[in-house]
Each structure stands twice: as C-alpha cells, then as structure tokens.
Amino acid sequence: KMLGCFIFLQSIVLLYLKNDDLMSLVNPKNFSSVPKSEKCAICLWGLPRAFKAIVLPSLVRNVIEPNAKYNCDYFVHFHDLGFEAAGRSGAGGVVNTSEIYLLQEKVEEVARNASMSVLPTVKFTSDTEENFWNIYRDLMKKLRETKDEKGKLLYFPHKAGSYVFPSTMDNIVKMWHSIQSSWNLMQSFENKGGLRYKQVAMIRSDVLYATPIDIYDVIDNRTVVVPGFARYDVNDRMIYGPYNAVKIWASTRFESLDKHVQLVKEKEYGFGMHSERFLQYTLFPQIRKDNYSIVEHESICFLRARANNVVRLTDCDNNALLTIPFKVMSHESKVKIIENILGRSCHGIVSERIPQVLNCTIP
C-alpha cells in the first residue's frame, strides 16, 4: 500500500511540477561533484522518426536542458531513409531525416541561455539504405543462411514470437551499425582534438523523452545506468555512464556476435541474436567483468515515436520497475504530460497495428 501511494504521488508530481523542480526530485545530485574539466558526450542513433513534431521538443526539455550545465558535445548517426514501410514497429510513413539537423540549433540555443562560454560541438553522419547494404551484404547473407546442427537458422531468433524473418534481424544489424557509427564519430573527434570524454550517453533519436535524464545522476564512476522498463530481460534502448563501460555496449557487438550465438545456443536455444539477450548474456557480463556495476533507473521513461507522428503510450508500462510513474498512470494523465512537453494538443488515442498510440500530427 505504501509503494502504491508513493507511485501515485510521483504521478501527480510529473503532471504539475516545473522541469527544474522535477530534476531536483528525480536526480538529487550536487552539480559541484562533477569536475569542471571533465568532458561528456551524448550520442544519438537510429532512424529519426517524427523528429521535429515529437522527438525534438522532448529532447530539449528532458535531455538538452538538464545536461546543459555539463556542456556535453553531441554526436549523431542516422539512417537516411525517406519512407518506412509498415512493419513490426508500426504503421510506417514518410521520414524527413533532414529534421535531425535542427538539433544543432537547439543545442546551441540552450547553451547560450545557460551562459556557456563555449558552445557544444554537434556532429552528424549518416548512411543511405544502399550504402548500408554495400557494407553489410556479406554479413547479412551469413545471418540469413547459416544453420545449426539441427537444421535451424543459427542467428535468427526463431523462438522469439514477435520476430519476423528476415526484417527483424536486418533491423537489429541497422541498429547496431547506427550505435557503433555514432560512437565512432565521437571517437574520431576525440582523436583529432586530443581530448577524452569521461561520461557518455547513448540515446535514441526516435522517442519522446517523457522524464528528465541527467547523465551524471549517478556520482559513482564505476556505474552505468540503463532504463528500468521494457526489461526483456533487460532494456536495450539506452545507456549512460563511464566511457570505458559504455564503449563495450556501443562498439563491440559485431566482434562479439559469433561467440554470443554459440553461448546462447547452450543457454536458450533458438534465440540467436535476440537483441535483449545479446546484452544479457554477452555485453552486460563483459561490463561487469571490467568492474562496473549496472543499475536500472527508477523513473526514466521514454516513448517510441513512429513515422506517422504517433507516440506509443504503453512503452513504460511493460516489464517495468514499480517505481516508474508512467507504469501506473492513466492514459489521460500520460496525454497531459506529452502535450505539455510538446507545447500543443494532440488528436486523441487511436488504434492502428499497435494499440494505444497517441496521434500527435502537426496540422
């Protein structure tokens, strides 16, 4: 009963507190604990669905502004895809990838408002569909055709009921490529400038950030943070923490793949390169082996935006820590928070291929 009351009060707080007040409640950390000479980076990856209409306002409110005091640099990789077909993740639609470049203007605007003497660096890189396949054609052939001793596909997670062959597996490789490319862009900038980032966040470019994210909210420099929702059995959608720990998450997937599928064949046959199990069995153990701890954040929530300008309302409900306010909120309360972040009204909850999405198309 006490926990239920606490979650209810958190929900009320999210509805009515100003963003600065909410940051101090969720992340009670003393800014002076972060060395002024320490450099940080925020890397964005993925396909920037509904970026201007939905993602960018939430990035400003709940990522860029909360971290402006640290003067983090930003590194972005995106898939330059003009249209997304309907599929496992939604109804599809037009993707205006050029909107991602609006990020630089907003980062610099927030930095000026925070009286930063030096503006953050913002860098972009991208790949077309053709370029992606030129890079990965041989690997994709291997993933699609290699079979195990039982005659089953070795890499495809055929026991994962929601996975569709071959598109889900293709999308995992695209995700890995985008994550690693944003990391490589950051690393290239480091090498040219002779600097080294100490704290790094890897975040998506296709979500509405519903709660503030402070990438220094865990003072311990041996701890990385992942979300506490969508735990299947772990969340694979974001990470932040010390450079060397995040490096494992961001840059070692392809080199670890063959060893992983042999491991998972023994532990959970039929799950191949299942995304969350890849972290659970391969990447997270390696992070812990290097003496870092992994914690699940007690309140962070972000909701996937789709190309047709809808937001998935239930993303933080499923397999979530009980402390996450969005888990127990009514849809009406979620809509109020989303509309407050966007600074405009949306057009109601609709049912498509995926139920319980909020239509936030700009008229």
Foldseek 3Di string as FASTA:
>chain_A
DVLVVLLVVVLVCLLDPDQVVQCCVQQVDDPVLDDLPAEEEEEAFEAQACQVLFQVLLCLRAPLLLALVNQYAYFYEYEPDQWDPADLVGHTGGGPRVCVVVNQVSNQVSNVVVVPPDGHHYYYDYHYPVRVCVVCVVVVVLQQDDADPVRHRLAALQVPVSDDPPVNVVVVVRRLVGLQVRVVVVVVVCVVVVHDHFKYKYAYNFKRWLHHDHLCSDVDQQEKEDAQAPPPVHDLGMIMHTDVLVCLSRHCPVVCQVVQSVVCCVVPNRGRPPPNVCCVPPSVVVSVVVVGYYDHRQETDIWGAHNQQKTAQCRRQHNGDSSHSSNPDDLVSVQSSSCVSSVHHWDDFDCDVHHGITGRDDD
